[in-house]
Amino acid sequence: MSRIIENPKQLILGKAKEILYNQGYRKLSMRSLSKECDIALGTIYNYYPTKKELVIEMMTDYWQNYLDTVEEIVNSDADMYIKLNNIFNELEVFIQNFRQYWLTTELYDSKEYVEGGLQKEYVFIEKLIIIIEAILMKEQANKNIHIKLGARETANFIIMNFITIVQMPLFKYESFEVFLKELLK
């Protein structure tokens, strides 16, 4: 008689992340995952027909966790600039971890991972821009800021600068915030 596994998809994703984070991409195989989950290899393939699909799902889950954290920040009672600073700080941690686990040569040697990962990345950056745009529009409606370039363009400007500051820390967030306050007054 077969046993019932509650939420096997989450079990598979969780164990796959453990293997990736602790042992690296090369050690992540459907067979090793089956062993770690203590479920049949066929069950793994039912949920994830290929390793690529599994890895892209893990990457998507990683991004979604970040966006969930951003939503918590947005829903807080903090001032807009504190929210933006908190979103930046979370993005900094997110990108550092992303580099460590997802931007490895063993993962990005394959063109299919690069294309699949980039498509997902663009979707999530777009979602992040929409979140920032909503913050800006709310603040403008409350007459706390004045948007000169349009909410969408300003949100895009903010996110692209966040990413640039994290990746090339020659410019400090605090300096960016001074410029942003000038831009939005």
N, C-alpha and C. Protein backbone atom coordinates (compact mmCIF):
# COMPACT_ATOMS: atom_id res chain seq x y z
N MET A 1 0.84 -1.18 0.00
CA MET A 1 0.00 0.00 0.00
C MET A 1 0.89 1.25 0.00
N SER A 2 0.58 2.17 -0.88
CA SER A 2 1.39 3.38 -0.97
C SER A 2 0.99 4.36 0.14
N ARG A 3 1.98 5.14 0.56
CA ARG A 3 1.70 6.10 1.63
C ARG A 3 1.30 7.44 1.02
N ILE A 4 0.56 8.19 1.78
CA ILE A 4 0.11 9.50 1.32
C ILE A 4 1.08 10.55 1.83
N ILE A 5 1.56 11.36 0.92
CA ILE A 5 2.50 12.43 1.27
C ILE A 5 1.74 13.75 1.17
N GLU A 6 1.70 14.46 2.29
CA GLU A 6 1.04 15.76 2.27
C GLU A 6 1.92 16.76 1.54
N ASN A 7 1.34 17.44 0.59
CA ASN A 7 2.01 18.47 -0.19
C ASN A 7 3.37 18.02 -0.75
N PRO A 8 3.36 17.00 -1.61
CA PRO A 8 4.63 16.49 -2.15
C PRO A 8 5.41 17.53 -2.97
N LYS A 9 4.70 18.43 -3.63
CA LYS A 9 5.38 19.44 -4.44
C LYS A 9 6.25 20.33 -3.55
N GLN A 10 5.72 20.74 -2.40
CA GLN A 10 6.50 21.57 -1.46
C GLN A 10 7.65 20.77 -0.86
N LEU A 11 7.42 19.49 -0.60
CA LEU A 11 8.49 18.63 -0.08
C LEU A 11 9.63 18.56 -1.09
N ILE A 12 9.28 18.34 -2.35
CA ILE A 12 10.28 18.24 -3.41
C ILE A 12 11.05 19.56 -3.54
N LEU A 13 10.32 20.68 -3.58
CA LEU A 13 10.98 21.99 -3.69
C LEU A 13 11.89 22.26 -2.50
N GLY A 14 11.40 21.96 -1.31
CA GLY A 14 12.19 22.20 -0.10
C GLY A 14 13.48 21.40 -0.09
N LYS A 15 13.38 20.12 -0.41
CA LYS A 15 14.58 19.26 -0.43
C LYS A 15 15.52 19.65 -1.56
N ALA A 16 14.96 20.05 -2.70
CA ALA A 16 15.80 20.48 -3.83
C ALA A 16 16.60 21.73 -3.43
N LYS A 17 15.95 22.66 -2.73
CA LYS A 17 16.65 23.85 -2.26
C LYS A 17 17.77 23.48 -1.29
N GLU A 18 17.48 22.56 -0.38
CA GLU A 18 18.52 22.12 0.57
C GLU A 18 19.74 21.58 -0.16
N ILE A 19 19.49 20.73 -1.15
CA ILE A 19 20.60 20.16 -1.92
C ILE A 19 21.37 21.27 -2.64
N LEU A 20 20.64 22.15 -3.33
CA LEU A 20 21.28 23.23 -4.08
C LEU A 20 22.10 24.13 -3.15
N TYR A 21 21.52 24.54 -2.04
CA TYR A 21 22.19 25.48 -1.14
C TYR A 21 23.36 24.84 -0.39
N ASN A 22 23.25 23.57 -0.06
CA ASN A 22 24.29 22.92 0.75
C ASN A 22 25.34 22.19 -0.07
N GLN A 23 24.94 21.64 -1.24
CA GLN A 23 25.86 20.80 -1.99
C GLN A 23 26.16 21.34 -3.39
N GLY A 24 25.35 22.28 -3.86
CA GLY A 24 25.58 22.84 -5.18
C GLY A 24 24.73 22.19 -6.26
N TYR A 25 24.70 22.87 -7.39
CA TYR A 25 23.87 22.45 -8.52
C TYR A 25 24.24 21.07 -9.05
N ARG A 26 25.51 20.77 -9.13
CA ARG A 26 25.95 19.48 -9.70
C ARG A 26 25.44 18.28 -8.90
N LYS A 27 25.24 18.47 -7.62
CA LYS A 27 24.75 17.37 -6.76
C LYS A 27 23.23 17.24 -6.81
N LEU A 28 22.57 18.21 -7.40
CA LEU A 28 21.12 18.16 -7.51
C LEU A 28 20.73 17.31 -8.71
N SER A 29 20.25 16.12 -8.44
CA SER A 29 19.75 15.25 -9.50
C SER A 29 18.38 14.74 -9.07
N MET A 30 17.60 14.31 -10.03
CA MET A 30 16.28 13.78 -9.70
C MET A 30 16.41 12.55 -8.80
N ARG A 31 17.44 11.76 -9.03
CA ARG A 31 17.66 10.56 -8.23
C ARG A 31 18.02 10.91 -6.78
N SER A 32 18.94 11.86 -6.60
CA SER A 32 19.32 12.25 -5.23
C SER A 32 18.14 12.93 -4.53
N LEU A 33 17.35 13.66 -5.27
CA LEU A 33 16.17 14.31 -4.72
C LEU A 33 15.14 13.28 -4.27
N SER A 34 14.94 12.26 -5.09
CA SER A 34 14.03 11.17 -4.74
C SER A 34 14.46 10.51 -3.43
N LYS A 35 15.75 10.29 -3.30
CA LYS A 35 16.29 9.67 -2.09
C LYS A 35 16.08 10.58 -0.87
N GLU A 36 16.38 11.87 -1.03
CA GLU A 36 16.23 12.82 0.08
C GLU A 36 14.77 12.96 0.52
N CYS A 37 13.86 12.93 -0.45
CA CYS A 37 12.43 13.08 -0.15
C CYS A 37 11.81 11.77 0.33
N ASP A 38 12.51 10.67 0.08
CA ASP A 38 12.00 9.34 0.38
C ASP A 38 10.69 9.07 -0.37
N ILE A 39 10.70 9.47 -1.65
CA ILE A 39 9.57 9.19 -2.53
C ILE A 39 10.09 8.64 -3.84
N ALA A 40 9.21 8.02 -4.59
CA ALA A 40 9.59 7.37 -5.84
C ALA A 40 10.07 8.40 -6.87
N LEU A 41 11.04 8.00 -7.66
CA LEU A 41 11.58 8.85 -8.72
C LEU A 41 10.46 9.29 -9.67
N GLY A 42 9.53 8.39 -9.96
CA GLY A 42 8.41 8.72 -10.84
C GLY A 42 7.56 9.86 -10.30
N THR A 43 7.43 9.93 -8.98
CA THR A 43 6.67 11.01 -8.36
C THR A 43 7.35 12.35 -8.62
N ILE A 44 8.67 12.36 -8.51
CA ILE A 44 9.43 13.58 -8.80
C ILE A 44 9.15 14.02 -10.24
N TYR A 45 9.25 13.07 -11.17
CA TYR A 45 9.04 13.39 -12.59
C TYR A 45 7.59 13.79 -12.89
N ASN A 46 6.64 13.32 -12.09
CA ASN A 46 5.25 13.76 -12.29
C ASN A 46 5.11 15.26 -12.05
N TYR A 47 5.83 15.77 -11.08
CA TYR A 47 5.76 17.19 -10.76
C TYR A 47 6.73 18.02 -11.60
N TYR A 48 7.90 17.46 -11.86
CA TYR A 48 8.95 18.17 -12.59
C TYR A 48 9.56 17.23 -13.62
N PRO A 49 9.05 17.27 -14.86
CA PRO A 49 9.54 16.36 -15.90
C PRO A 49 11.03 16.52 -16.21
N THR A 50 11.58 17.72 -15.96
CA THR A 50 13.00 17.94 -16.22
C THR A 50 13.63 18.70 -15.05
N LYS A 51 14.92 18.58 -14.95
CA LYS A 51 15.67 19.32 -13.93
C LYS A 51 15.53 20.82 -14.17
N LYS A 52 15.49 21.22 -15.43
CA LYS A 52 15.33 22.64 -15.77
C LYS A 52 14.04 23.18 -15.18
N GLU A 53 12.94 22.45 -15.33
CA GLU A 53 11.65 22.91 -14.80
C GLU A 53 11.71 23.04 -13.28
N LEU A 54 12.38 22.10 -12.63
CA LEU A 54 12.54 22.14 -11.18
C LEU A 54 13.33 23.37 -10.77
N VAL A 55 14.45 23.61 -11.42
CA VAL A 55 15.31 24.74 -11.06
C VAL A 55 14.60 26.06 -11.31
N ILE A 56 13.88 26.18 -12.41
CA ILE A 56 13.16 27.42 -12.70
C ILE A 56 12.03 27.63 -11.69
N GLU A 57 11.38 26.57 -11.28
CA GLU A 57 10.36 26.66 -10.23
C GLU A 57 10.98 27.11 -8.91
N MET A 58 12.16 26.61 -8.59
CA MET A 58 12.86 27.02 -7.37
C MET A 58 13.22 28.50 -7.44
N MET A 59 13.68 28.94 -8.60
CA MET A 59 14.05 30.34 -8.80
C MET A 59 12.80 31.22 -8.67
N THR A 60 11.70 30.78 -9.26
CA THR A 60 10.44 31.51 -9.18
C THR A 60 9.98 31.63 -7.73
N ASP A 61 10.10 30.55 -7.00
CA ASP A 61 9.72 30.53 -5.58
C ASP A 61 10.59 31.50 -4.80
N TYR A 62 11.87 31.56 -5.13
CA TYR A 62 12.81 32.46 -4.47
C TYR A 62 12.39 33.92 -4.70
N TRP A 63 12.07 34.25 -5.94
CA TRP A 63 11.61 35.60 -6.26
C TRP A 63 10.30 35.92 -5.55
N GLN A 64 9.37 34.96 -5.54
CA GLN A 64 8.07 35.20 -4.92
C GLN A 64 8.21 35.47 -3.43
N ASN A 65 9.11 34.76 -2.77
CA ASN A 65 9.36 35.02 -1.35
C ASN A 65 9.82 36.46 -1.14
N TYR A 66 10.68 36.95 -2.03
CA TYR A 66 11.13 38.34 -1.94
C TYR A 66 9.95 39.29 -2.11
N LEU A 67 9.11 39.05 -3.11
CA LEU A 67 7.97 39.94 -3.35
C LEU A 67 6.99 39.91 -2.18
N ASP A 68 6.84 38.76 -1.53
CA ASP A 68 5.98 38.68 -0.35
C ASP A 68 6.53 39.56 0.77
N THR A 69 7.84 39.55 0.93
CA THR A 69 8.49 40.41 1.93
C THR A 69 8.27 41.88 1.58
N VAL A 70 8.38 42.22 0.31
CA VAL A 70 8.15 43.60 -0.14
C VAL A 70 6.72 44.02 0.17
N GLU A 71 5.77 43.14 -0.07
CA GLU A 71 4.36 43.46 0.22
C GLU A 71 4.16 43.75 1.71
N GLU A 72 4.83 43.00 2.57
CA GLU A 72 4.75 43.26 4.01
C GLU A 72 5.29 44.65 4.33
N ILE A 73 6.39 45.02 3.69
CA ILE A 73 6.97 46.35 3.90
C ILE A 73 6.00 47.43 3.42
N VAL A 74 5.43 47.23 2.25
CA VAL A 74 4.50 48.21 1.67
C VAL A 74 3.28 48.39 2.57
N ASN A 75 2.81 47.32 3.17
CA ASN A 75 1.61 47.38 4.01
C ASN A 75 1.89 47.91 5.42
N SER A 76 3.13 48.19 5.72
CA SER A 76 3.46 48.75 7.04
C SER A 76 3.05 50.22 7.09
N ASP A 77 3.06 50.78 8.28
CA ASP A 77 2.68 52.18 8.45
C ASP A 77 3.85 53.14 8.29
N ALA A 78 4.97 52.64 7.85
CA ALA A 78 6.18 53.46 7.76
C ALA A 78 6.04 54.54 6.68
N ASP A 79 6.85 55.55 6.80
CA ASP A 79 6.98 56.62 5.82
C ASP A 79 7.49 56.03 4.49
N MET A 80 7.17 56.68 3.38
CA MET A 80 7.56 56.16 2.06
C MET A 80 9.07 55.94 1.95
N TYR A 81 9.86 56.86 2.45
CA TYR A 81 11.31 56.72 2.31
C TYR A 81 11.85 55.59 3.17
N ILE A 82 11.22 55.35 4.30
CA ILE A 82 11.61 54.19 5.13
C ILE A 82 11.23 52.90 4.41
N LYS A 83 10.05 52.88 3.81
CA LYS A 83 9.63 51.70 3.03
C LYS A 83 10.62 51.43 1.90
N LEU A 84 10.97 52.48 1.17
CA LEU A 84 11.91 52.30 0.05
C LEU A 84 13.27 51.81 0.55
N ASN A 85 13.73 52.35 1.67
CA ASN A 85 15.00 51.90 2.25
C ASN A 85 14.91 50.43 2.65
N ASN A 86 13.79 50.04 3.27
CA ASN A 86 13.62 48.64 3.67
C ASN A 86 13.55 47.72 2.45
N ILE A 87 12.87 48.17 1.40
CA ILE A 87 12.81 47.38 0.16
C ILE A 87 14.21 47.23 -0.43
N PHE A 88 14.97 48.32 -0.42
CA PHE A 88 16.35 48.27 -0.90
C PHE A 88 17.18 47.28 -0.07
N ASN A 89 17.08 47.37 1.25
CA ASN A 89 17.86 46.47 2.12
C ASN A 89 17.52 45.00 1.86
N GLU A 90 16.25 44.70 1.68
CA GLU A 90 15.84 43.33 1.36
C GLU A 90 16.36 42.91 -0.01
N LEU A 91 16.34 43.85 -0.96
CA LEU A 91 16.85 43.56 -2.31
C LEU A 91 18.34 43.27 -2.26
N GLU A 92 19.06 43.99 -1.42
CA GLU A 92 20.50 43.77 -1.28
C GLU A 92 20.79 42.35 -0.80
N VAL A 93 20.07 41.91 0.22
CA VAL A 93 20.23 40.54 0.73
C VAL A 93 19.81 39.54 -0.34
N PHE A 94 18.68 39.82 -1.00
CA PHE A 94 18.17 38.95 -2.04
C PHE A 94 19.20 38.76 -3.15
N ILE A 95 19.78 39.86 -3.63
CA ILE A 95 20.74 39.77 -4.74
C ILE A 95 22.01 39.07 -4.31
N GLN A 96 22.49 39.32 -3.11
CA GLN A 96 23.69 38.63 -2.63
C GLN A 96 23.47 37.12 -2.57
N ASN A 97 22.32 36.71 -2.04
CA ASN A 97 22.00 35.28 -2.00
C ASN A 97 21.77 34.73 -3.40
N PHE A 98 21.13 35.52 -4.25
CA PHE A 98 20.86 35.09 -5.62
C PHE A 98 22.17 34.82 -6.34
N ARG A 99 23.13 35.71 -6.17
CA ARG A 99 24.45 35.51 -6.79
C ARG A 99 25.09 34.22 -6.31
N GLN A 100 25.01 33.99 -5.01
CA GLN A 100 25.67 32.83 -4.42
C GLN A 100 25.07 31.52 -4.91
N TYR A 101 23.76 31.45 -5.02
CA TYR A 101 23.12 30.17 -5.35
C TYR A 101 22.66 30.05 -6.80
N TRP A 102 22.31 31.15 -7.42
CA TRP A 102 21.69 31.07 -8.74
C TRP A 102 22.59 31.53 -9.87
N LEU A 103 23.56 32.36 -9.60
CA LEU A 103 24.42 32.86 -10.67
C LEU A 103 25.75 32.12 -10.68
N THR A 104 25.68 30.83 -10.59
CA THR A 104 26.89 30.01 -10.62
C THR A 104 27.18 29.58 -12.05
N THR A 105 28.45 29.36 -12.35
CA THR A 105 28.80 28.95 -13.71
C THR A 105 28.19 27.60 -14.05
N GLU A 106 28.09 26.72 -13.07
CA GLU A 106 27.52 25.40 -13.38
C GLU A 106 26.05 25.50 -13.78
N LEU A 107 25.34 26.48 -13.26
CA LEU A 107 23.94 26.66 -13.63
C LEU A 107 23.82 27.45 -14.93
N TYR A 108 24.66 28.46 -15.10
CA TYR A 108 24.53 29.34 -16.25
C TYR A 108 25.40 28.94 -17.43
N ASP A 109 25.99 27.76 -17.39
CA ASP A 109 26.67 27.23 -18.57
C ASP A 109 25.66 26.84 -19.63
N SER A 110 24.44 26.58 -19.20
CA SER A 110 23.40 26.11 -20.10
C SER A 110 22.54 27.29 -20.58
N LYS A 111 22.44 27.45 -21.89
CA LYS A 111 21.66 28.53 -22.49
C LYS A 111 20.19 28.47 -22.06
N GLU A 112 19.66 27.25 -21.92
CA GLU A 112 18.24 27.12 -21.57
C GLU A 112 17.95 27.68 -20.17
N TYR A 113 18.88 27.54 -19.24
CA TYR A 113 18.69 28.11 -17.91
C TYR A 113 18.76 29.62 -17.95
N VAL A 114 19.69 30.14 -18.72
CA VAL A 114 19.83 31.59 -18.83
C VAL A 114 18.55 32.19 -19.39
N GLU A 115 18.05 31.64 -20.48
CA GLU A 115 16.84 32.18 -21.11
C GLU A 115 15.64 32.03 -20.19
N GLY A 116 15.45 30.86 -19.61
CA GLY A 116 14.32 30.64 -18.71
C GLY A 116 14.39 31.51 -17.48
N GLY A 117 15.58 31.61 -16.91
CA GLY A 117 15.78 32.43 -15.72
C GLY A 117 15.57 33.91 -16.00
N LEU A 118 16.09 34.39 -17.13
CA LEU A 118 15.94 35.80 -17.47
C LEU A 118 14.48 36.16 -17.72
N GLN A 119 13.74 35.27 -18.37
CA GLN A 119 12.32 35.54 -18.60
C GLN A 119 11.60 35.71 -17.27
N LYS A 120 11.87 34.83 -16.32
CA LYS A 120 11.26 34.93 -14.99
C LYS A 120 11.72 36.19 -14.28
N GLU A 121 13.00 36.51 -14.40
CA GLU A 121 13.55 37.69 -13.74
C GLU A 121 12.85 38.95 -14.23
N TYR A 122 12.63 39.08 -15.53
CA TYR A 122 11.96 40.25 -16.08
C TYR A 122 10.54 40.37 -15.54
N VAL A 123 9.85 39.24 -15.41
CA VAL A 123 8.49 39.25 -14.88
C VAL A 123 8.49 39.78 -13.45
N PHE A 124 9.43 39.32 -12.63
CA PHE A 124 9.45 39.74 -11.24
C PHE A 124 9.94 41.17 -11.08
N ILE A 125 10.87 41.61 -11.89
CA ILE A 125 11.29 43.02 -11.84
C ILE A 125 10.11 43.91 -12.22
N GLU A 126 9.35 43.48 -13.20
CA GLU A 126 8.15 44.22 -13.61
C GLU A 126 7.16 44.31 -12.44
N LYS A 127 6.96 43.22 -11.72
CA LYS A 127 6.06 43.24 -10.55
C LYS A 127 6.58 44.20 -9.49
N LEU A 128 7.87 44.22 -9.28
CA LEU A 128 8.48 45.12 -8.30
C LEU A 128 8.28 46.58 -8.72
N ILE A 129 8.44 46.86 -9.98
CA ILE A 129 8.22 48.22 -10.49
C ILE A 129 6.77 48.64 -10.26
N ILE A 130 5.83 47.74 -10.49
CA ILE A 130 4.41 48.04 -10.28
C ILE A 130 4.14 48.35 -8.81
N ILE A 131 4.77 47.62 -7.91
CA ILE A 131 4.61 47.86 -6.47
C ILE A 131 5.12 49.26 -6.10
N ILE A 132 6.29 49.61 -6.60
CA ILE A 132 6.87 50.93 -6.31
C ILE A 132 6.01 52.03 -6.93
N GLU A 133 5.52 51.78 -8.12
CA GLU A 133 4.64 52.75 -8.79
C GLU A 133 3.40 53.02 -7.93
N ALA A 134 2.82 51.98 -7.35
CA ALA A 134 1.64 52.14 -6.49
C ALA A 134 1.96 52.97 -5.25
N ILE A 135 3.13 52.74 -4.66
CA ILE A 135 3.56 53.54 -3.50
C ILE A 135 3.63 55.02 -3.90
N LEU A 136 4.26 55.28 -5.03
CA LEU A 136 4.43 56.66 -5.50
C LEU A 136 3.08 57.33 -5.76
N MET A 137 2.18 56.62 -6.41
CA MET A 137 0.87 57.19 -6.73
C MET A 137 0.08 57.50 -5.46
N LYS A 138 0.18 56.62 -4.48
CA LYS A 138 -0.51 56.85 -3.20
C LYS A 138 0.07 58.09 -2.51
N GLU A 139 1.38 58.20 -2.49
CA GLU A 139 2.02 59.34 -1.85
C GLU A 139 1.69 60.65 -2.58
N GLN A 140 1.61 60.58 -3.89
CA GLN A 140 1.25 61.78 -4.65
C GLN A 140 -0.20 62.16 -4.39
N ALA A 141 -1.09 61.18 -4.33
CA ALA A 141 -2.50 61.45 -4.03
C ALA A 141 -2.66 62.08 -2.65
N ASN A 142 -1.80 61.70 -1.72
CA ASN A 142 -1.82 62.28 -0.37
C ASN A 142 -1.04 63.59 -0.30
N LYS A 143 -0.54 64.04 -1.45
CA LYS A 143 0.22 65.29 -1.58
C LYS A 143 1.50 65.30 -0.74
N ASN A 144 2.10 64.13 -0.57
CA ASN A 144 3.37 64.02 0.15
C ASN A 144 4.57 64.19 -0.79
N ILE A 145 4.34 63.91 -2.07
CA ILE A 145 5.40 64.05 -3.08
C ILE A 145 4.79 64.65 -4.34
N HIS A 146 5.67 65.10 -5.22
CA HIS A 146 5.25 65.59 -6.54
C HIS A 146 6.08 64.83 -7.59
N ILE A 147 5.40 64.03 -8.40
CA ILE A 147 6.08 63.22 -9.41
C ILE A 147 6.19 64.04 -10.70
N LYS A 148 7.39 64.24 -11.15
CA LYS A 148 7.63 65.07 -12.33
C LYS A 148 7.73 64.25 -13.63
N LEU A 149 8.18 63.02 -13.52
CA LEU A 149 8.40 62.20 -14.72
C LEU A 149 7.32 61.15 -14.97
N GLY A 150 6.33 61.08 -14.14
CA GLY A 150 5.33 60.03 -14.22
C GLY A 150 5.68 58.92 -13.25
N ALA A 151 4.68 58.32 -12.65
CA ALA A 151 4.89 57.30 -11.61
C ALA A 151 5.62 56.08 -12.16
N ARG A 152 5.27 55.67 -13.35
CA ARG A 152 5.89 54.49 -13.94
C ARG A 152 7.39 54.71 -14.19
N GLU A 153 7.70 55.83 -14.81
CA GLU A 153 9.09 56.15 -15.12
C GLU A 153 9.91 56.32 -13.84
N THR A 154 9.32 56.94 -12.83
CA THR A 154 10.02 57.14 -11.56
C THR A 154 10.23 55.81 -10.85
N ALA A 155 9.24 54.94 -10.87
CA ALA A 155 9.38 53.61 -10.25
C ALA A 155 10.49 52.83 -10.95
N ASN A 156 10.51 52.89 -12.25
CA ASN A 156 11.56 52.22 -13.03
C ASN A 156 12.94 52.78 -12.65
N PHE A 157 13.03 54.10 -12.54
CA PHE A 157 14.26 54.78 -12.15
C PHE A 157 14.72 54.30 -10.77
N ILE A 158 13.79 54.19 -9.84
CA ILE A 158 14.13 53.76 -8.47
C ILE A 158 14.66 52.33 -8.48
N ILE A 159 13.95 51.42 -9.12
CA ILE A 159 14.37 50.00 -9.11
C ILE A 159 15.69 49.81 -9.84
N MET A 160 15.87 50.44 -10.97
CA MET A 160 17.13 50.28 -11.69
C MET A 160 18.31 50.84 -10.88
N ASN A 161 18.08 51.92 -10.15
CA ASN A 161 19.13 52.46 -9.29
C ASN A 161 19.38 51.54 -8.09
N PHE A 162 18.33 50.97 -7.52
CA PHE A 162 18.50 50.01 -6.43
C PHE A 162 19.43 48.88 -6.88
N ILE A 163 19.12 48.32 -8.04
CA ILE A 163 19.90 47.19 -8.56
C ILE A 163 21.35 47.61 -8.82
N THR A 164 21.51 48.78 -9.41
CA THR A 164 22.86 49.28 -9.70
C THR A 164 23.66 49.50 -8.43
N ILE A 165 23.05 50.10 -7.41
CA ILE A 165 23.74 50.36 -6.15
C ILE A 165 24.17 49.06 -5.49
N VAL A 166 23.30 48.05 -5.53
CA VAL A 166 23.65 46.76 -4.93
C VAL A 166 24.81 46.12 -5.68
N GLN A 167 24.76 46.16 -7.00
CA GLN A 167 25.78 45.48 -7.80
C GLN A 167 27.09 46.25 -7.88
N MET A 168 27.03 47.56 -7.79
CA MET A 168 28.25 48.39 -7.84
C MET A 168 28.19 49.41 -6.71
N PRO A 169 28.59 49.02 -5.53
CA PRO A 169 28.40 49.88 -4.35
C PRO A 169 29.35 51.09 -4.28
N LEU A 170 29.58 51.72 -5.41
CA LEU A 170 30.38 52.95 -5.43
C LEU A 170 29.54 54.13 -4.95
N PHE A 171 28.24 53.97 -5.03
CA PHE A 171 27.28 55.01 -4.68
C PHE A 171 26.46 54.48 -3.52
N LYS A 172 26.27 55.25 -2.48
CA LYS A 172 25.55 54.81 -1.29
C LYS A 172 24.05 55.06 -1.42
N TYR A 173 23.27 54.19 -0.78
CA TYR A 173 21.82 54.35 -0.80
C TYR A 173 21.42 55.72 -0.25
N GLU A 174 22.08 56.14 0.81
CA GLU A 174 21.75 57.40 1.46
C GLU A 174 21.87 58.57 0.47
N SER A 175 22.88 58.54 -0.37
CA SER A 175 23.05 59.59 -1.38
C SER A 175 21.92 59.52 -2.41
N PHE A 176 21.56 58.31 -2.81
CA PHE A 176 20.46 58.15 -3.75
C PHE A 176 19.17 58.73 -3.16
N GLU A 177 18.94 58.47 -1.88
CA GLU A 177 17.72 58.96 -1.24
C GLU A 177 17.67 60.49 -1.25
N VAL A 178 18.81 61.15 -1.05
CA VAL A 178 18.86 62.61 -1.11
C VAL A 178 18.43 63.09 -2.51
N PHE A 179 18.96 62.46 -3.54
CA PHE A 179 18.57 62.82 -4.92
C PHE A 179 17.08 62.55 -5.15
N LEU A 180 16.60 61.43 -4.65
CA LEU A 180 15.20 61.06 -4.84
C LEU A 180 14.27 62.08 -4.17
N LYS A 181 14.63 62.49 -2.96
CA LYS A 181 13.81 63.49 -2.25
C LYS A 181 13.77 64.81 -3.03
N GLU A 182 14.88 65.17 -3.62
CA GLU A 182 14.92 66.39 -4.45
C GLU A 182 14.03 66.22 -5.69
N LEU A 183 14.10 65.06 -6.29
CA LEU A 183 13.32 64.78 -7.49
C LEU A 183 11.82 64.81 -7.21
N LEU A 184 11.43 64.38 -6.03
CA LEU A 184 10.00 64.21 -5.72
C LEU A 184 9.39 65.35 -4.91
N LYS A 185 10.15 66.43 -4.67
CA LYS A 185 9.54 67.51 -3.87
C LYS A 185 8.80 68.51 -4.72
